[in-house]
């Protein structure tokens, strides 16, 4: 589970954070609430009509009047049903619109938050927030919020109306509600903790499923399926236990919510019979009192369910806003600098970097890197495993920001430029070639939002990039470049995935291309053809490439050696081989 902050706002303040997303839809939600309240008020009028029927036409035997009274009750029932339908019609569209806005904002937020955020958060936790928690919020807005308010008002109004028949009966019914409020306060403390625990555990479980699906080849290859199932079963059992505790909490409050009205009914029935015998009320009034009390039973019994729904929605809101509240440390400057025609001079000056989970006594992973690349130059970066080469390649495009020092493009600090400009002028090609569940065409042209992917120009750019990356294999796929590749490109070989990822970087036509050993899965002959193609198509493009193969290093103009967080040697490959023991 993530080390996300926990919010402890009161329920009303936590849920009030949804108002900006619901502002334009609040009028229609309010109308839905008014419609629901109208339906409840109409239902509360029925006992009065029944009192008139029982006390008048029915007792006197006026059949015609009884029929008209029955039609009046039927009419009230139809009006109530119509208002219930109207409530559903009014709230459906705005509730789904609010969910849509929240989901769009959530996804956009995930795209903007820095890589260090995604390093810290599990994918399953984010997925459960985007799907499950937002769904809970929508259902609460469309049903839970409205019915909780309406049912509380119905209970209050109905309880007041009970006094019109006899003050003692009304008092007994109202006093029976005191234990309900006491149980509700205890329920909030217990259930609030359990629902947060449950939703976090569901996120952890989703993460386990996600990891198992992504790592299914490894699990099968090592025969670790039973082990994965054992771990999954343990997590699922923990979640089951939490859900059982939740169910127990709901059952306890429901017990009180059902028991107290039943006790009130019994006491009121005994007293009602005595009051009728004593002549203080008549049969019609007693009948109407119990008809009203019966109507109030569902609103009273629903309070427990609706209150638990309220706490679920509060927890879901907290979980969603934990993501919204995360500070985005990599943002556009207030006054961005624009480079109209970048030359491609890339420089690292006194660069320090340490990851957020580094211990205080540990030195910076990058501990004062100084390195300059001239426009159009190809620089190979070499070093031992763990020396920080990959980390260094993430700094020019601000996937991470330097801890100290600066990375500049044509003398301009990349932090002084808009992110979209930085990532247009500088492109990355990673060793771990991540592809998306889309067509080959869409994957290759991912970095060219200035082109229509089905245009002639886009086709030319794509073909040239595929040619450079030696990715002619795409024409042998079932639908050529329009073939849909599987999740993360797992339907392709490692070398095919790398070549498509490289084609994507080439198609972006950057001024600076930063590559983290993107040719590791290629044979030497293919690698040489790719290098020749890169030199032809990206002539004038500055290239920084992390390399492990001597063949790749030999093709670079210069080589930089990274050791102990610093650049200790820079020069031509042949010169370094002659003078550097490292």
Protein backbone atom coordinates (compact mmCIF):
# COMPACT_ATOMS: atom_id res chain seq x y z
CA UNK A 1 0.00 0.00 0.00
CA UNK A 2 1.16 3.56 -0.64
CA UNK A 3 2.44 5.78 2.12
CA UNK A 4 -0.26 8.27 1.22
CA UNK A 5 -1.34 10.83 3.80
CA UNK A 6 -4.52 10.14 5.76
CA UNK A 7 -7.07 12.92 6.06
CA UNK A 8 -9.15 13.34 9.22
CA UNK A 9 -11.64 16.01 8.21
CA UNK A 10 -15.17 15.84 9.63
CA UNK A 11 -17.59 14.02 7.36
CA UNK A 12 -19.37 17.15 6.14
CA UNK A 13 -16.12 18.97 5.39
CA UNK A 14 -14.62 15.96 3.61
CA UNK A 15 -17.66 15.54 1.36
CA UNK A 16 -17.91 19.30 0.78
CA UNK A 17 -14.73 18.97 -1.28
CA UNK A 18 -16.89 17.47 -4.02
CA UNK A 19 -18.83 20.74 -4.46
CA UNK A 20 -16.48 22.30 -7.07
CA UNK A 21 -16.98 19.21 -9.25
CA UNK A 22 -20.74 19.21 -8.69
CA UNK A 23 -21.42 22.95 -8.78
CA UNK A 24 -23.15 23.14 -12.15
CA UNK A 25 -25.14 19.96 -11.44
CA UNK A 26 -26.27 20.94 -7.94
CA UNK A 27 -29.54 22.59 -9.08
CA UNK A 28 -30.72 19.40 -10.76
CA UNK A 29 -29.60 17.26 -7.81
CA UNK A 30 -31.49 19.64 -5.52
CA UNK A 31 -34.60 19.26 -7.68
CA UNK A 32 -34.22 15.51 -7.37
CA UNK A 33 -34.10 15.93 -3.60
CA UNK A 34 -37.21 18.13 -3.67
CA UNK A 35 -38.98 15.51 -5.78
CA UNK A 36 -38.01 12.76 -3.34
CA UNK A 37 -39.16 14.89 -0.39
CA UNK A 38 -42.43 15.58 -2.20
CA UNK A 39 -42.96 11.85 -2.63
CA UNK A 40 -42.40 11.31 1.09
CA UNK A 41 -44.79 14.12 2.03
CA UNK A 42 -47.44 12.67 -0.25
CA UNK A 43 -46.95 9.31 1.46
CA UNK A 44 -47.41 11.01 4.84
CA UNK A 45 -50.79 12.39 3.67
CA UNK A 46 -52.18 8.90 3.13
CA UNK A 47 -52.79 8.19 6.86
CA UNK A 48 -54.87 11.37 7.11
CA UNK A 49 -56.96 10.20 4.16
CA UNK A 50 -57.33 6.79 5.78
CA UNK A 51 -58.44 8.41 9.03
CA UNK A 52 -61.20 10.24 7.15
CA UNK A 53 -62.30 7.03 5.37
CA UNK A 54 -62.33 4.89 8.54
CA UNK A 55 -63.89 7.53 10.75
CA UNK A 56 -66.44 8.73 8.19
CA UNK A 57 -67.77 6.75 5.22
CA UNK A 58 -66.56 3.33 6.40
CA UNK A 59 -68.15 3.60 9.87
CA UNK A 60 -71.38 5.05 8.47
CA UNK A 61 -71.60 2.56 5.59
CA UNK A 62 -71.54 5.21 2.83
CA UNK A 63 -70.25 2.98 0.03
CA UNK A 64 -69.93 5.76 -2.56
CA UNK A 65 -67.82 7.89 -0.24
CA UNK A 66 -65.61 4.89 0.53
CA UNK A 67 -64.98 4.43 -3.20
CA UNK A 68 -64.06 8.08 -3.60
CA UNK A 69 -61.79 7.83 -0.58
CA UNK A 70 -60.09 4.76 -2.05
CA UNK A 71 -59.60 6.61 -5.32
CA UNK A 72 -58.06 9.52 -3.40
CA UNK A 73 -55.58 7.14 -1.74
CA UNK A 74 -54.85 5.60 -5.15
CA UNK A 75 -54.28 9.07 -6.57
CA UNK A 76 -51.85 9.90 -3.76
CA UNK A 77 -50.02 6.65 -4.47
CA UNK A 78 -49.73 7.46 -8.15
CA UNK A 79 -48.45 10.95 -7.38
CA UNK A 80 -45.87 9.43 -5.03
CA UNK A 81 -44.75 6.96 -7.71
CA UNK A 82 -44.50 9.74 -10.27
CA UNK A 83 -42.35 11.85 -7.96
CA UNK A 84 -40.08 8.85 -7.28
CA UNK A 85 -39.64 8.36 -11.04
CA UNK A 86 -38.96 12.08 -11.45
CA UNK A 87 -36.31 11.93 -8.74
CA UNK A 88 -34.49 9.13 -10.52
CA UNK A 89 -34.70 10.96 -13.86
CA UNK A 90 -33.42 14.20 -12.36
CA UNK A 91 -30.38 12.77 -10.55
CA UNK A 92 -29.13 10.18 -13.04
CA UNK A 93 -27.52 12.53 -15.57
CA UNK A 94 -25.86 14.94 -13.09
CA UNK A 95 -24.49 12.11 -10.94
CA UNK A 96 -22.86 10.43 -13.94
CA UNK A 97 -21.58 13.83 -15.16
CA UNK A 98 -19.92 14.45 -11.79
CA UNK A 99 -18.34 10.98 -11.89
CA UNK A 100 -17.11 11.69 -15.41
CA UNK A 101 -15.56 15.01 -14.35
CA UNK A 102 -13.90 13.43 -11.34
CA UNK A 103 -12.54 10.57 -13.44
CA UNK A 104 -11.20 12.93 -16.09
CA UNK A 105 -9.55 15.08 -13.42
CA UNK A 106 -8.12 12.02 -11.69
CA UNK A 107 -6.58 10.65 -14.88
CA UNK A 108 -5.23 14.06 -15.84
CA UNK A 109 -3.73 14.36 -12.38
CA UNK A 110 -2.01 11.00 -12.72
CA UNK A 111 -0.47 12.15 -16.01
CA UNK A 112 0.87 15.36 -14.48
CA UNK A 113 2.23 14.03 -11.21
CA UNK A 114 5.98 13.33 -11.25
CA UNK A 115 7.54 9.91 -11.62
CA UNK A 116 8.49 9.90 -7.93
CA UNK A 117 4.76 9.82 -7.13
CA UNK A 118 4.28 6.72 -9.29
CA UNK A 119 7.39 5.15 -7.74
CA UNK A 120 5.67 5.41 -4.38
CA UNK A 121 2.10 4.42 -5.23
CA UNK A 122 0.93 0.96 -6.24
CA UNK A 123 -0.97 0.65 -9.50
CA UNK A 124 -3.79 -1.29 -7.87
CA UNK A 125 -4.35 1.46 -5.31
CA UNK A 126 -4.69 4.06 -8.06
CA UNK A 127 -6.93 1.79 -10.13
CA UNK A 128 -9.27 1.10 -7.19
CA UNK A 129 -9.54 4.83 -6.52
CA UNK A 130 -10.31 5.70 -10.13
CA UNK A 131 -12.87 2.96 -10.65
CA UNK A 132 -14.34 1.73 -7.37
CA UNK A 133 -14.15 4.88 -5.23
CA UNK A 134 -15.51 7.17 -7.94
CA UNK A 135 -18.34 4.70 -8.51
CA UNK A 136 -19.19 4.84 -4.79
CA UNK A 137 -19.24 8.65 -4.92
CA UNK A 138 -21.58 8.63 -7.94
CA UNK A 139 -24.03 6.22 -6.32
CA UNK A 140 -23.97 8.22 -3.10
CA UNK A 141 -24.70 11.49 -4.92
CA UNK A 142 -27.50 9.91 -6.96
CA UNK A 143 -29.11 7.98 -4.11
CA UNK A 144 -27.39 8.00 -0.73
CA UNK A 145 -27.14 11.76 -0.17
CA UNK A 146 -30.68 12.52 -1.32
CA UNK A 147 -32.34 9.65 0.50
CA UNK A 148 -30.42 10.28 3.73
CA UNK A 149 -31.58 13.90 3.83
CA UNK A 150 -35.11 13.07 2.68
CA UNK A 151 -35.55 10.15 5.07
CA UNK A 152 -34.28 12.19 8.02
CA UNK A 153 -36.73 14.97 7.14
CA UNK A 154 -39.48 12.39 6.65
CA UNK A 155 -38.85 10.93 10.10
CA UNK A 156 -38.88 14.40 11.67
CA UNK A 157 -42.04 15.54 9.85
CA UNK A 158 -43.80 12.22 10.44
CA UNK A 159 -42.88 12.22 14.13
CA UNK A 160 -44.35 15.70 14.53
CA UNK A 161 -47.54 14.61 12.74
CA UNK A 162 -47.93 11.70 15.16
CA UNK A 163 -48.67 14.21 17.93
CA UNK A 164 -51.89 15.30 16.19
CA UNK A 165 -53.57 12.07 17.30
CA UNK A 166 -52.24 11.90 20.87
CA UNK A 167 -49.27 13.49 22.60
CA UNK A 168 -48.45 10.38 24.66
CA UNK A 169 -48.25 8.07 21.65
CA UNK A 170 -46.14 10.60 19.76
CA UNK A 171 -43.79 11.03 22.74
CA UNK A 172 -43.21 7.28 23.05
CA UNK A 173 -42.41 7.00 19.36
CA UNK A 174 -40.00 9.95 19.47
CA UNK A 175 -38.26 8.81 22.67
CA UNK A 176 -37.66 5.41 21.08
CA UNK A 177 -35.38 7.18 18.61
CA UNK A 178 -32.85 8.26 21.28
CA UNK A 179 -31.03 4.87 21.29
CA UNK A 180 -30.85 5.14 17.51
CA UNK A 181 -28.76 8.31 17.71
CA UNK A 182 -26.50 6.82 20.38
CA UNK A 183 -25.94 3.73 18.24
CA UNK A 184 -25.27 5.95 15.23
CA UNK A 185 -22.48 7.83 17.02
CA UNK A 186 -20.77 4.58 18.04
CA UNK A 187 -21.29 3.18 14.56
CA UNK A 188 -19.52 6.14 12.93
CA UNK A 189 -16.33 5.62 14.93
CA UNK A 190 -16.18 1.86 14.26
CA UNK A 191 -17.42 1.74 10.68
CA UNK A 192 -15.36 4.72 9.49
CA UNK A 193 -12.15 2.93 10.47
CA UNK A 194 -13.26 -0.38 8.99
CA UNK A 195 -14.39 1.05 5.65
CA UNK A 196 -11.05 2.83 5.17
CA UNK A 197 -9.21 -0.38 5.98
CA UNK A 198 -11.40 -2.35 3.59
CA UNK A 199 -10.95 0.01 0.66
CA UNK A 200 -7.18 0.12 1.14
CA UNK A 201 -7.07 -3.67 1.28
CA UNK A 202 -9.10 -3.85 -1.93
CA UNK A 203 -6.47 -1.62 -3.55
CA UNK A 204 -3.72 -3.95 -2.33
CA UNK A 205 -5.62 -6.92 -3.71
CA UNK A 206 -6.01 -5.18 -7.08
CA UNK A 207 -2.24 -4.56 -7.06
CA UNK A 208 -1.61 -8.28 -6.51
CA UNK A 209 -3.84 -9.19 -9.46
CA UNK A 210 -2.14 -6.56 -11.64
CA UNK A 211 1.33 -7.81 -10.75
CA UNK A 212 0.37 -11.43 -11.31
CA UNK A 213 -1.09 -10.67 -14.74
CA UNK A 214 1.94 -8.64 -15.80
CA UNK A 215 4.33 -11.25 -14.43
CA UNK A 216 2.42 -14.31 -15.59
CA UNK A 217 5.33 -15.50 -17.77
CA UNK A 218 7.71 -15.42 -14.81
CA UNK A 219 5.25 -17.15 -12.50
CA UNK A 220 4.65 -19.91 -15.03
CA UNK A 221 8.30 -20.28 -15.96
CA UNK A 222 9.35 -20.78 -12.33
CA UNK A 223 6.26 -22.74 -11.36
CA UNK A 224 5.32 -20.15 -8.75
CA UNK A 225 1.61 -20.05 -9.52
CA UNK A 226 0.68 -21.88 -6.28
CA UNK A 227 2.92 -19.51 -4.29
CA UNK A 228 1.23 -16.48 -5.87
CA UNK A 229 -2.17 -18.02 -5.14
CA UNK A 230 -1.19 -18.57 -1.52
CA UNK A 231 -0.22 -14.92 -1.10
CA UNK A 232 -3.37 -13.81 -2.90
CA UNK A 233 -5.51 -16.05 -0.72
CA UNK A 234 -3.95 -14.54 2.43
CA UNK A 235 -4.71 -11.00 1.23
CA UNK A 236 -8.23 -11.99 0.17
CA UNK A 237 -8.82 -13.62 3.57
CA UNK A 238 -7.68 -10.44 5.32
CA UNK A 239 -10.11 -8.42 3.22
CA UNK A 240 -12.84 -10.96 3.94
CA UNK A 241 -12.21 -10.56 7.66
CA UNK A 242 -12.50 -6.80 7.41
CA UNK A 243 -15.71 -7.10 5.42
CA UNK A 244 -17.08 -9.45 8.08
CA UNK A 245 -16.28 -6.85 10.76
CA UNK A 246 -18.05 -4.23 8.62
CA UNK A 247 -21.05 -6.49 8.24
CA UNK A 248 -21.07 -7.04 11.99
CA UNK A 249 -21.04 -3.30 12.66
CA UNK A 250 -23.92 -2.80 10.22
CA UNK A 251 -25.83 -5.72 11.75
CA UNK A 252 -25.51 -4.26 15.26
CA UNK A 253 -26.82 -0.84 14.25
CA UNK A 254 -29.55 -2.43 12.12
CA UNK A 255 -30.60 -4.51 15.12
CA UNK A 256 -31.22 -1.35 17.11
CA UNK A 257 -32.87 0.37 14.15
CA UNK A 258 -35.35 -2.49 13.75
CA UNK A 259 -35.82 -3.31 17.45
CA UNK A 260 -36.67 0.15 18.76
CA UNK A 261 -39.54 0.86 16.33
CA UNK A 262 -40.94 -2.63 17.06
CA UNK A 263 -40.84 -1.93 20.80
CA UNK A 264 -42.41 1.47 20.21
CA UNK A 265 -45.15 -0.22 18.15
CA UNK A 266 -45.89 -2.69 20.95
CA UNK A 267 -46.03 -0.03 23.65
CA UNK A 268 -48.09 2.32 21.49
CA UNK A 269 -50.51 -0.49 20.61
CA UNK A 270 -51.12 -1.31 24.28
CA UNK A 271 -51.53 2.34 25.20
CA UNK A 272 -53.61 3.02 22.09
CA UNK A 273 -56.11 0.33 23.01
CA UNK A 274 -56.34 1.73 26.54
CA UNK A 275 -56.75 5.31 25.24
CA UNK A 276 -59.47 4.13 22.84
CA UNK A 277 -61.29 2.29 25.58
CA UNK A 278 -60.99 5.38 27.77
CA UNK A 279 -62.45 7.52 24.99
CA UNK A 280 -59.41 9.77 24.58
CA UNK A 281 -59.01 8.79 20.90
CA UNK A 282 -61.25 6.90 18.48
CA UNK A 283 -60.51 3.87 16.32
CA UNK A 284 -59.96 5.99 13.19
CA UNK A 285 -57.28 8.06 14.95
CA UNK A 286 -55.53 4.95 16.28
CA UNK A 287 -55.66 3.38 12.83
CA UNK A 288 -54.18 6.54 11.25
CA UNK A 289 -51.46 6.70 13.93
CA UNK A 290 -50.28 3.18 13.13
CA UNK A 291 -50.56 3.82 9.40
CA UNK A 292 -48.24 6.82 9.84
CA UNK A 293 -45.88 4.84 12.06
CA UNK A 294 -45.78 2.07 9.44
CA UNK A 295 -44.85 4.57 6.73
CA UNK A 296 -42.03 5.83 8.96
CA UNK A 297 -40.57 2.36 9.49
CA UNK A 298 -38.59 2.18 6.22
CA UNK A 299 -37.09 5.69 6.59
CA UNK A 300 -36.03 4.76 10.13
CA UNK A 301 -34.62 1.35 9.20
CA UNK A 302 -32.83 2.79 6.16
CA UNK A 303 -30.86 5.25 8.28
CA UNK A 304 -28.28 2.59 9.17
CA UNK A 305 -27.69 1.60 5.54
CA UNK A 306 -27.63 5.21 4.37
CA UNK A 307 -25.29 6.23 7.19
CA UNK A 308 -22.87 3.44 6.28
CA UNK A 309 -23.17 4.59 2.66
CA UNK A 310 -22.30 8.12 3.83
CA UNK A 311 -19.16 6.85 5.55
CA UNK A 312 -18.20 4.79 2.49
CA UNK A 313 -18.56 7.91 0.34
CA UNK A 314 -16.52 9.94 2.81
CA UNK A 315 -13.72 7.35 2.74
CA UNK A 316 -13.83 7.19 -1.07
CA UNK A 317 -13.64 10.99 -1.23
CA UNK A 318 -10.66 11.00 1.12
CA UNK A 319 -8.88 8.40 -1.00
CA UNK A 320 -9.50 10.30 -4.24
CA UNK A 321 -8.40 13.62 -2.79
CA UNK A 322 -5.21 12.08 -1.44
CA UNK A 323 -4.17 11.94 -5.09
CA UNK A 324 -5.58 15.40 -5.87
CA UNK A 325 -3.76 16.88 -2.87
CA UNK A 326 -0.37 15.44 -3.81
CA UNK A 327 1.96 18.32 -4.58
CA UNK A 328 3.19 18.35 -8.16
CA UNK A 329 6.85 19.25 -7.81
CA UNK A 330 7.56 19.29 -11.54
CA UNK A 331 5.57 22.15 -13.03
CA UNK A 332 5.84 24.89 -15.63
CA UNK A 333 7.62 28.06 -14.49
CA UNK A 334 5.66 31.27 -13.95
CA UNK A 335 7.53 33.00 -16.79
CA UNK A 336 8.70 30.29 -19.19
CA UNK A 337 11.59 30.81 -21.60
CA UNK A 338 11.05 29.70 -25.18
CA UNK A 339 13.74 28.50 -27.57
CA UNK A 340 12.44 29.05 -31.10
CA UNK A 341 15.10 27.15 -33.01
CA UNK A 342 17.04 24.97 -30.57
CA UNK A 343 20.52 23.95 -31.65
CA UNK A 344 20.66 20.96 -29.31
CA UNK A 345 23.49 21.87 -26.95
CA UNK A 346 22.85 19.78 -23.83
CA UNK A 347 24.80 20.40 -20.63
CA UNK A 348 24.82 18.96 -17.11
CA UNK A 349 26.39 21.40 -14.66
CA UNK A 350 27.13 20.40 -11.06
CA UNK A 351 24.23 17.96 -11.16
CA UNK A 352 23.32 16.23 -7.91
CA UNK A 353 20.44 13.83 -7.50
CA UNK A 354 19.15 11.51 -4.80
CA UNK A 355 15.94 9.53 -4.66
CA UNK A 356 13.33 10.41 -2.07
CA UNK A 357 13.85 7.18 -0.12
CA UNK A 358 17.64 7.63 0.13
CA UNK A 359 19.02 7.57 3.66
CA UNK A 360 20.53 10.70 5.14
CA UNK A 361 23.99 9.18 5.48
CA UNK A 362 24.11 8.02 1.85
CA UNK A 363 25.85 10.16 -0.72
CA UNK A 364 23.93 11.48 -3.70
CA UNK A 365 23.58 8.97 -6.52
CA UNK A 366 24.70 11.71 -8.90
CA UNK A 367 27.27 13.67 -6.96
CA UNK A 368 28.33 16.61 -9.10
CA UNK A 369 28.02 15.57 -12.76
CA UNK A 370 29.55 17.96 -15.31
CA UNK A 371 29.03 16.98 -18.94
CA UNK A 372 28.48 18.99 -22.13
CA UNK A 373 27.25 17.74 -25.49
CA UNK A 374 27.75 19.85 -28.58
CA UNK A 375 24.90 20.26 -31.09
CA UNK A 376 24.73 17.19 -33.32
CA UNK A 377 27.19 15.21 -31.23
CA UNK A 378 26.68 11.57 -30.22
CA UNK A 379 27.88 10.90 -26.70
CA UNK A 380 28.06 7.39 -25.23
CA UNK A 381 27.64 7.17 -21.46
CA UNK A 382 29.28 4.16 -19.82
CA UNK A 383 29.76 3.00 -16.26
CA UNK A 384 29.30 0.13 -13.86
CA UNK A 385 25.85 -1.18 -13.06
CA UNK A 386 24.25 1.06 -10.45
CA UNK A 387 26.43 4.04 -11.22
CA UNK A 388 23.43 6.25 -12.09
CA UNK A 389 23.46 6.16 -15.90
CA UNK A 390 19.74 5.54 -16.29
CA UNK A 391 18.96 8.15 -13.66
CA UNK A 392 21.01 10.70 -15.57
CA UNK A 393 18.96 10.08 -18.72
CA UNK A 394 15.72 10.96 -16.89
CA UNK A 395 16.85 14.47 -15.97
CA UNK A 396 16.83 16.29 -19.36
CA UNK A 397 13.10 15.68 -19.89
CA UNK A 398 12.37 16.41 -16.20
CA UNK A 399 11.03 12.99 -15.40
CA UNK A 400 12.91 13.83 -12.23
CA UNK A 401 14.34 17.21 -11.28
CA UNK A 402 17.92 17.62 -10.16
CA UNK A 403 18.54 17.99 -6.44
CA UNK A 404 21.29 20.52 -7.10
CA UNK A 405 22.89 21.97 -10.21
CA UNK A 406 21.21 22.31 -13.58
CA UNK A 407 20.49 20.68 -16.92
CA UNK A 408 20.44 23.15 -19.78
CA UNK A 409 19.39 23.14 -23.40
CA UNK A 410 21.20 25.81 -25.43
CA UNK A 411 22.12 27.48 -22.16
CA UNK A 412 18.53 27.58 -20.85
CA UNK A 413 17.74 25.62 -17.69
CA UNK A 414 15.08 23.05 -18.57
CA UNK A 415 13.24 24.08 -15.40
CA UNK A 416 12.77 27.54 -16.95
CA UNK A 417 10.98 26.06 -19.96
CA UNK A 418 7.46 24.73 -20.36
CA UNK A 419 7.30 20.98 -19.94
CA UNK A 420 5.66 20.55 -23.33
CA UNK A 421 8.56 22.43 -24.96
CA UNK A 422 11.19 20.44 -23.07
CA UNK A 423 9.59 17.15 -24.09
CA UNK A 424 9.18 18.30 -27.68
CA UNK A 425 12.82 19.29 -28.07
CA UNK A 426 14.17 16.30 -26.08
CA UNK A 427 12.96 12.72 -26.52
CA UNK A 428 13.66 9.54 -24.56
CA UNK A 429 14.11 5.97 -25.74
CA UNK A 430 14.18 3.53 -22.83
CA UNK A 431 15.72 0.10 -22.51
CA UNK A 432 12.41 -1.19 -21.13
CA UNK A 433 10.34 -0.66 -24.28
CA UNK A 434 6.82 0.10 -23.06
CA UNK A 435 4.17 -0.14 -25.75
CA UNK A 436 0.43 0.42 -25.45
CA UNK A 437 -2.62 -1.63 -26.39
CA UNK A 438 -3.06 0.21 -29.68
CA UNK A 439 -2.02 -0.17 -33.29
CA UNK A 440 1.59 -0.13 -34.43
CA UNK A 441 0.85 3.17 -36.17
CA UNK A 442 -0.48 4.79 -32.98
CA UNK A 443 2.46 3.55 -30.92
CA UNK A 444 5.06 4.87 -33.36
CA UNK A 445 3.36 8.28 -33.74
CA UNK A 446 2.67 8.69 -30.03
CA UNK A 447 5.00 11.68 -29.75
CA UNK A 448 3.59 13.52 -32.78
CA UNK A 449 0.37 15.16 -31.65
CA UNK A 450 0.87 17.69 -34.44
CA UNK A 451 0.04 15.01 -37.03
CA UNK A 452 -3.14 13.22 -37.95
CA UNK A 453 -2.13 9.56 -37.61
CA UNK A 454 -3.97 8.62 -40.80
CA UNK A 455 -2.58 11.46 -42.93
CA UNK A 456 -0.08 11.03 -45.74
CA UNK A 457 2.51 13.10 -43.87
CA UNK A 458 2.14 10.94 -40.77
CA UNK A 459 2.54 7.83 -42.89
CA UNK A 460 5.79 9.16 -44.34
CA UNK A 461 7.16 10.03 -40.90
CA UNK A 462 6.15 6.61 -39.55
CA UNK A 463 7.69 4.71 -42.47
CA UNK A 464 10.96 6.59 -42.17
CA UNK A 465 11.11 5.91 -38.42
CA UNK A 466 10.37 2.23 -38.91
CA UNK A 467 13.07 2.05 -41.56
CA UNK A 468 15.64 3.62 -39.24
CA UNK A 469 14.68 1.22 -36.45
CA UNK A 470 14.93 -1.77 -38.81
CA UNK A 471 11.31 -2.60 -37.98
CA UNK A 472 10.20 -3.95 -41.37
CA UNK A 473 8.68 -6.91 -39.51
CA UNK A 474 5.52 -4.81 -38.99
CA UNK A 475 4.51 -5.44 -42.59
CA UNK A 476 4.33 -9.14 -41.83
CA UNK A 477 1.85 -8.63 -39.00
CA UNK A 478 -1.79 -9.58 -39.75
CA UNK A 479 -2.93 -6.00 -40.42
CA UNK A 480 0.45 -4.40 -41.03
CA UNK A 481 0.91 -1.10 -39.21
CA UNK A 482 -2.76 -1.18 -38.21
CA UNK A 483 -2.28 -4.40 -36.22
CA UNK A 484 -3.37 -4.03 -32.60
CA UNK A 485 -0.57 -5.16 -30.34
CA UNK A 486 -1.25 -6.67 -26.94
CA UNK A 487 -0.87 -5.03 -23.57
CA UNK A 488 2.67 -3.66 -23.17
CA UNK A 489 3.49 -5.22 -26.55
CA UNK A 490 3.91 -8.66 -25.00
CA UNK A 491 2.71 -10.25 -28.23
CA UNK A 492 6.01 -9.11 -29.79
CA UNK A 493 9.55 -10.25 -29.09
CA UNK A 494 11.91 -8.14 -26.99
CA UNK A 495 13.84 -6.99 -30.04
CA UNK A 496 10.64 -6.06 -31.87
CA UNK A 497 9.41 -4.05 -28.92
CA UNK A 498 12.72 -2.19 -28.71
CA UNK A 499 12.68 -1.37 -32.39
CA UNK A 500 9.15 0.04 -32.20
CA UNK A 501 10.07 2.09 -29.13
CA UNK A 502 13.11 3.42 -30.97
CA UNK A 503 10.95 4.22 -34.02
CA UNK A 504 8.66 6.17 -31.70
CA UNK A 505 11.58 8.27 -30.47
CA UNK A 506 12.83 8.83 -34.04
CA UNK A 507 9.37 9.85 -35.27
CA UNK A 508 9.25 12.57 -32.60
CA UNK A 509 12.09 14.35 -34.48
CA UNK A 510 13.68 15.86 -31.36
CA UNK A 511 16.71 18.13 -31.25
CA UNK A 512 18.12 15.97 -28.46
CA UNK A 513 17.64 12.21 -28.24
CA UNK A 514 18.42 10.53 -24.92
CA UNK A 515 18.59 6.74 -25.16
CA UNK A 516 19.00 4.29 -22.30
CA UNK A 517 20.59 1.29 -23.98
CA UNK A 518 17.65 0.95 -26.40
CA UNK A 519 19.49 -1.52 -28.66
CA UNK A 520 20.35 -4.15 -26.04
CA UNK A 521 18.00 -6.73 -27.57
CA UNK A 522 19.33 -6.30 -31.11
CA UNK A 523 22.05 -8.33 -32.76
CA UNK A 524 25.24 -6.55 -33.76
CA UNK A 525 24.41 -6.36 -37.48
CA UNK A 526 20.95 -4.87 -36.85
CA UNK A 527 22.43 -2.47 -34.31
CA UNK A 528 24.92 -1.19 -36.88
CA UNK A 529 22.14 -0.64 -39.46
CA UNK A 530 20.11 1.24 -36.85
CA UNK A 531 23.08 3.44 -36.01
CA UNK A 532 23.61 4.25 -39.69
CA UNK A 533 19.91 5.07 -40.06
CA UNK A 534 19.98 7.29 -36.99
CA UNK A 535 22.95 9.17 -38.33
CA UNK A 536 21.14 9.74 -41.62
CA UNK A 537 17.69 10.73 -40.41
CA UNK A 538 18.71 12.51 -37.22
CA UNK A 539 21.63 14.39 -38.70
CA UNK A 540 22.23 17.36 -36.48
CA UNK A 541 20.41 15.73 -33.56
CA UNK A 542 22.35 15.61 -30.33
CA UNK A 543 22.35 12.08 -28.93
CA UNK A 544 23.18 10.86 -25.44
CA UNK A 545 23.13 7.06 -25.33
CA UNK A 546 23.75 4.77 -22.38
CA UNK A 547 25.79 1.92 -23.80
CA UNK A 548 27.14 -1.39 -22.61
CA UNK A 549 28.30 -2.92 -25.89
CA UNK A 550 31.72 -1.96 -27.23
CA UNK A 551 30.15 -1.80 -30.70
CA UNK A 552 27.74 0.91 -29.58
CA UNK A 553 30.44 2.83 -27.73
CA UNK A 554 32.75 2.74 -30.76
CA UNK A 555 30.11 4.46 -32.94
CA UNK A 556 29.90 7.50 -30.63
CA UNK A 557 31.81 10.73 -31.26
CA UNK A 558 32.86 10.82 -27.62
CA UNK A 559 32.52 8.61 -24.57
CA UNK A 560 31.85 9.70 -20.98
CA UNK A 561 32.63 7.44 -18.03
CA UNK A 562 30.37 7.78 -14.97
CA UNK A 563 31.84 6.57 -11.70
CA UNK A 564 30.90 7.27 -8.09
CA UNK A 565 28.30 9.77 -9.21
CA UNK A 566 30.69 11.85 -11.32
CA UNK A 567 32.03 11.99 -14.87
CA UNK A 568 35.66 10.95 -14.49
CA UNK A 569 36.69 10.55 -18.14
CA UNK A 570 35.53 12.09 -21.43
CA UNK A 571 37.07 11.53 -24.82
CA UNK A 572 37.10 9.53 -28.04
CA UNK A 573 36.66 5.80 -27.62
CA UNK A 574 40.10 4.92 -28.97
CA UNK A 575 41.78 7.54 -26.78
CA UNK A 576 40.05 6.33 -23.63
CA UNK A 577 40.88 2.73 -24.41
CA UNK A 578 44.53 3.72 -24.64
CA UNK A 579 44.78 5.84 -21.51
CA UNK A 580 42.02 4.81 -19.11
CA UNK A 581 42.37 1.66 -17.02
CA UNK A 582 38.71 1.93 -16.11
